[in-house]
Amino acid sequence: MPAQPIISVATVVERDGVFLFVEETVKSRLVINQPAGRLEAGESLVNAAVREALEETGWHVEPLGLVGIYRWTSEREDKAYVRVCFFGRALQHDAQRPLDRGIERVVWLDHAALLQRTHDLRTPLVMRCVDDYLAGRRFPLDLLVDIAQG
């Protein structure tokens, strides 16, 4: 049985019919993913999504809502993940910003191009998040509530 799930965030960013992705090297394999990463201690989910998008793509992104919350278990790694997937818009690009280690490049792909590269997806969550976004799944950000310690 996998350990406690790892909480991650991802953001679907669409602009003129194409989506923002990264090509990254994971265990010597080049894969495609949304801007995504792990939630850090003391960080809100929204702030994590903004940070990960900037660190991985150089794009300042504004989360507008949620696409969904997904649980997935990797049989290869025997790890479970809970992905909170946002949708948002790209605001501004910082072309001079160094990208996170392992990120090879930023790519904008339409749905057809992504379908042609399904064997390159980091996890099945990548396509599922895009498909759910295209199907109109949208939930307001106020579903997420951070309660201050006290």
C-alpha atoms as a PDB file:
ATOM      1  CA  MET A   1       0.000   0.000   0.000  1.00  0.00           C
ATOM      2  CA  PRO A   2       1.401   3.446  -0.925  1.00  0.00           C
ATOM      3  CA  ALA A   3       2.417   5.897   1.753  1.00  0.00           C
ATOM      4  CA  GLN A   4       0.509   9.062   2.621  1.00  0.00           C
ATOM      5  CA  PRO A   5      -0.361  10.896  -0.625  1.00  0.00           C
ATOM      6  CA  ILE A   6       1.888  13.704  -1.795  1.00  0.00           C
ATOM      7  CA  ILE A   7      -0.024  16.956  -2.333  1.00  0.00           C
ATOM      8  CA  SER A   8       0.769  18.748  -5.563  1.00  0.00           C
ATOM      9  CA  VAL A   9      -0.638  21.626  -7.564  1.00  0.00           C
ATOM     10  CA  ALA A  10      -0.850  22.135 -11.323  1.00  0.00           C
ATOM     11  CA  THR A  11      -2.253  24.855 -13.534  1.00  0.00           C
ATOM     12  CA  VAL A  12      -3.913  24.569 -16.924  1.00  0.00           C
ATOM     13  CA  VAL A  13      -3.084  27.763 -18.806  1.00  0.00           C
ATOM     14  CA  GLU A  14      -4.736  28.268 -22.197  1.00  0.00           C
ATOM     15  CA  ARG A  15      -3.908  31.079 -24.566  1.00  0.00           C
ATOM     16  CA  ASP A  16      -5.354  31.311 -28.081  1.00  0.00           C
ATOM     17  CA  GLY A  17      -6.153  27.584 -28.191  1.00  0.00           C
ATOM     18  CA  VAL A  18      -2.772  26.356 -26.965  1.00  0.00           C
ATOM     19  CA  PHE A  19      -1.748  25.214 -23.496  1.00  0.00           C
ATOM     20  CA  LEU A  20       1.330  25.974 -21.420  1.00  0.00           C
ATOM     21  CA  PHE A  21       3.490  22.923 -20.653  1.00  0.00           C
ATOM     22  CA  VAL A  22       7.010  22.097 -19.653  1.00  0.00           C
ATOM     23  CA  GLU A  23       9.266  19.414 -21.016  1.00  0.00           C
ATOM     24  CA  GLU A  24      11.247  18.087 -18.102  1.00  0.00           C
ATOM     25  CA  THR A  25      13.701  15.306 -17.492  1.00  0.00           C
ATOM     26  CA  VAL A  26      12.503  12.821 -14.888  1.00  0.00           C
ATOM     27  CA  LYS A  27      14.607   9.720 -14.249  1.00  0.00           C
ATOM     28  CA  SER A  28      16.461  10.200 -17.568  1.00  0.00           C
ATOM     29  CA  ARG A  29      13.175  10.486 -19.508  1.00  0.00           C
ATOM     30  CA  LEU A  30      11.861  13.628 -21.230  1.00  0.00           C
ATOM     31  CA  VAL A  31       8.226  14.124 -20.226  1.00  0.00           C
ATOM     32  CA  ILE A  32       5.479  16.720 -20.633  1.00  0.00           C
ATOM     33  CA  ASN A  33       3.667  18.236 -17.679  1.00  0.00           C
ATOM     34  CA  GLN A  34       1.637  21.256 -16.744  1.00  0.00           C
ATOM     35  CA  PRO A  35       3.487  23.724 -14.552  1.00  0.00           C
ATOM     36  CA  ALA A  36       3.214  21.668 -11.386  1.00  0.00           C
ATOM     37  CA  GLY A  37       4.898  20.803  -8.129  1.00  0.00           C
ATOM     38  CA  ARG A  38       4.570  20.029  -4.475  1.00  0.00           C
ATOM     39  CA  LEU A  39       2.876  22.140  -1.866  1.00  0.00           C
ATOM     40  CA  GLU A  40       5.425  23.583   0.574  1.00  0.00           C
ATOM     41  CA  ALA A  41       4.926  23.901   4.333  1.00  0.00           C
ATOM     42  CA  GLY A  42       2.900  26.977   5.299  1.00  0.00           C
ATOM     43  CA  GLU A  43       1.962  27.735   1.690  1.00  0.00           C
ATOM     44  CA  SER A  44      -1.585  28.104   0.386  1.00  0.00           C
ATOM     45  CA  LEU A  45      -2.589  25.983  -2.594  1.00  0.00           C
ATOM     46  CA  VAL A  46      -3.123  29.086  -4.743  1.00  0.00           C
ATOM     47  CA  ASN A  47       0.279  30.513  -3.816  1.00  0.00           C
ATOM     48  CA  ALA A  48       1.896  27.159  -4.588  1.00  0.00           C
ATOM     49  CA  ALA A  49       0.322  27.162  -8.066  1.00  0.00           C
ATOM     50  CA  VAL A  50       1.557  30.713  -8.746  1.00  0.00           C
ATOM     51  CA  ARG A  51       5.065  29.866  -7.497  1.00  0.00           C
ATOM     52  CA  GLU A  52       5.360  26.617  -9.439  1.00  0.00           C
ATOM     53  CA  ALA A  53       4.224  28.229 -12.700  1.00  0.00           C
ATOM     54  CA  LEU A  54       6.802  30.996 -12.325  1.00  0.00           C
ATOM     55  CA  GLU A  55       9.633  28.678 -11.282  1.00  0.00           C
ATOM     56  CA  GLU A  56       8.994  26.167 -14.056  1.00  0.00           C
ATOM     57  CA  THR A  57       7.992  28.433 -16.968  1.00  0.00           C
ATOM     58  CA  GLY A  58       8.992  32.010 -16.200  1.00  0.00           C
ATOM     59  CA  TRP A  59       5.326  32.993 -16.614  1.00  0.00           C
ATOM     60  CA  HIS A  60       3.453  34.993 -13.998  1.00  0.00           C
ATOM     61  CA  VAL A  61       0.119  33.187 -13.863  1.00  0.00           C
ATOM     62  CA  GLU A  62      -3.149  34.201 -12.236  1.00  0.00           C
ATOM     63  CA  PRO A  63      -5.249  31.252 -11.018  1.00  0.00           C
ATOM     64  CA  LEU A  64      -8.917  31.874 -11.855  1.00  0.00           C
ATOM     65  CA  GLY A  65     -10.519  28.704 -10.513  1.00  0.00           C
ATOM     66  CA  LEU A  66     -10.256  24.967 -10.050  1.00  0.00           C
ATOM     67  CA  VAL A  67     -10.543  22.233 -12.661  1.00  0.00           C
ATOM     68  CA  GLY A  68     -10.565  19.430 -10.126  1.00  0.00           C
ATOM     69  CA  ILE A  69      -8.871  17.512  -7.359  1.00  0.00           C
ATOM     70  CA  TYR A  70      -7.414  14.180  -8.431  1.00  0.00           C
ATOM     71  CA  ARG A  71      -5.959  11.195  -6.601  1.00  0.00           C
ATOM     72  CA  TRP A  72      -3.596   8.969  -8.553  1.00  0.00           C
ATOM     73  CA  THR A  73      -1.308   6.122  -7.555  1.00  0.00           C
ATOM     74  CA  SER A  74       1.869   5.404  -9.478  1.00  0.00           C
ATOM     75  CA  GLU A  75       2.346   1.660  -9.557  1.00  0.00           C
ATOM     76  CA  ARG A  76       5.957   2.098 -10.733  1.00  0.00           C
ATOM     77  CA  GLU A  77       6.884   4.269  -7.758  1.00  0.00           C
ATOM     78  CA  ASP A  78       4.359   2.895  -5.257  1.00  0.00           C
ATOM     79  CA  LYS A  79       3.441   6.515  -4.450  1.00  0.00           C
ATOM     80  CA  ALA A  80       0.081   8.229  -4.282  1.00  0.00           C
ATOM     81  CA  TYR A  81      -0.529  11.816  -5.322  1.00  0.00           C
ATOM     82  CA  VAL A  82      -3.343  14.281  -4.755  1.00  0.00           C
ATOM     83  CA  ARG A  83      -3.239  16.945  -7.464  1.00  0.00           C
ATOM     84  CA  VAL A  84      -5.159  20.169  -7.040  1.00  0.00           C
ATOM     85  CA  CYS A  85      -5.527  21.451 -10.579  1.00  0.00           C
ATOM     86  CA  PHE A  86      -6.211  25.108 -11.239  1.00  0.00           C
ATOM     87  CA  PHE A  87      -6.948  26.945 -14.446  1.00  0.00           C
ATOM     88  CA  GLY A  88      -5.575  30.388 -14.975  1.00  0.00           C
ATOM     89  CA  ARG A  89      -4.233  32.949 -17.365  1.00  0.00           C
ATOM     90  CA  ALA A  90      -0.713  33.909 -18.303  1.00  0.00           C
ATOM     91  CA  LEU A  91      -0.049  37.514 -17.375  1.00  0.00           C
ATOM     92  CA  GLN A  92       3.580  38.264 -18.124  1.00  0.00           C
ATOM     93  CA  HIS A  93       6.670  36.309 -19.152  1.00  0.00           C
ATOM     94  CA  ASP A  94      10.088  36.791 -17.588  1.00  0.00           C
ATOM     95  CA  ALA A  95      12.362  35.412 -20.312  1.00  0.00           C
ATOM     96  CA  GLN A  96      15.479  36.064 -18.211  1.00  0.00           C
ATOM     97  CA  ARG A  97      14.323  33.983 -15.250  1.00  0.00           C
ATOM     98  CA  PRO A  98      16.196  30.692 -14.872  1.00  0.00           C
ATOM     99  CA  LEU A  99      13.883  27.685 -14.854  1.00  0.00           C
ATOM    100  CA  ASP A 100      13.815  24.948 -12.217  1.00  0.00           C
ATOM    101  CA  ARG A 101      16.391  22.199 -12.463  1.00  0.00           C
ATOM    102  CA  GLY A 102      15.200  19.447 -14.784  1.00  0.00           C
ATOM    103  CA  ILE A 103      13.033  21.730 -16.915  1.00  0.00           C
ATOM    104  CA  GLU A 104      14.350  21.497 -20.470  1.00  0.00           C
ATOM    105  CA  ARG A 105      11.994  23.977 -22.104  1.00  0.00           C
ATOM    106  CA  VAL A 106       8.573  25.582 -22.054  1.00  0.00           C
ATOM    107  CA  VAL A 107       6.177  24.583 -24.832  1.00  0.00           C
ATOM    108  CA  TRP A 108       2.724  25.701 -25.926  1.00  0.00           C
ATOM    109  CA  LEU A 109       0.732  22.816 -27.421  1.00  0.00           C
ATOM    110  CA  ASP A 110      -2.797  22.533 -28.709  1.00  0.00           C
ATOM    111  CA  HIS A 111      -4.959  19.556 -27.759  1.00  0.00           C
ATOM    112  CA  ALA A 112      -4.214  17.693 -31.025  1.00  0.00           C
ATOM    113  CA  ALA A 113      -0.451  18.011 -30.519  1.00  0.00           C
ATOM    114  CA  LEU A 114      -0.811  16.815 -26.937  1.00  0.00           C
ATOM    115  CA  LEU A 115      -2.800  13.776 -28.101  1.00  0.00           C
ATOM    116  CA  GLN A 116       0.059  12.892 -30.453  1.00  0.00           C
ATOM    117  CA  ARG A 117       2.457  12.885 -27.510  1.00  0.00           C
ATOM    118  CA  THR A 118       0.474  10.914 -24.925  1.00  0.00           C
ATOM    119  CA  HIS A 119       3.412   8.523 -24.507  1.00  0.00           C
ATOM    120  CA  ASP A 120       5.474  11.526 -23.294  1.00  0.00           C
ATOM    121  CA  LEU A 121       3.084  12.628 -20.532  1.00  0.00           C
ATOM    122  CA  ARG A 122       4.549  12.553 -17.050  1.00  0.00           C
ATOM    123  CA  THR A 123       1.355  11.040 -15.652  1.00  0.00           C
ATOM    124  CA  PRO A 124      -2.206  10.392 -16.852  1.00  0.00           C
ATOM    125  CA  LEU A 125      -3.189  13.452 -14.802  1.00  0.00           C
ATOM    126  CA  VAL A 126      -1.769  15.772 -17.489  1.00  0.00           C
ATOM    127  CA  MET A 127      -4.288  14.770 -20.151  1.00  0.00           C
ATOM    128  CA  ARG A 128      -7.134  14.336 -17.672  1.00  0.00           C
ATOM    129  CA  CYS A 129      -6.729  17.914 -16.425  1.00  0.00           C
ATOM    130  CA  VAL A 130      -6.746  19.315 -19.975  1.00  0.00           C
ATOM    131  CA  ASP A 131      -9.707  17.166 -21.005  1.00  0.00           C
ATOM    132  CA  ASP A 132     -11.700  18.188 -17.923  1.00  0.00           C
ATOM    133  CA  TYR A 133     -10.858  21.848 -18.571  1.00  0.00           C
ATOM    134  CA  LEU A 134     -11.998  21.529 -22.202  1.00  0.00           C
ATOM    135  CA  ALA A 135     -15.193  19.797 -21.018  1.00  0.00           C
ATOM    136  CA  GLY A 136     -16.001  22.927 -19.028  1.00  0.00           C
ATOM    137  CA  ARG A 137     -15.193  21.753 -15.505  1.00  0.00           C
ATOM    138  CA  ARG A 138     -14.802  24.993 -13.558  1.00  0.00           C
ATOM    139  CA  PHE A 139     -15.072  25.556  -9.830  1.00  0.00           C
ATOM    140  CA  PRO A 140     -14.564  28.825  -7.953  1.00  0.00           C
ATOM    141  CA  LEU A 141     -11.412  29.455  -5.955  1.00  0.00           C
ATOM    142  CA  ASP A 142     -13.473  30.091  -2.842  1.00  0.00           C
ATOM    143  CA  LEU A 143     -13.936  26.321  -2.527  1.00  0.00           C
ATOM    144  CA  LEU A 144     -10.449  26.450  -1.006  1.00  0.00           C
ATOM    145  CA  VAL A 145     -10.405  27.817   2.513  1.00  0.00           C
ATOM    146  CA  ASP A 146      -7.227  28.460   4.488  1.00  0.00           C
ATOM    147  CA  ILE A 147      -7.898  28.637   8.205  1.00  0.00           C
ATOM    148  CA  ALA A 148      -5.334  30.477  10.288  1.00  0.00           C
ATOM    149  CA  GLN A 149      -3.868  28.605  13.204  1.00  0.00           C
ATOM    150  CA  GLY A 150      -5.034  29.850  16.529  1.00  0.00           C
END
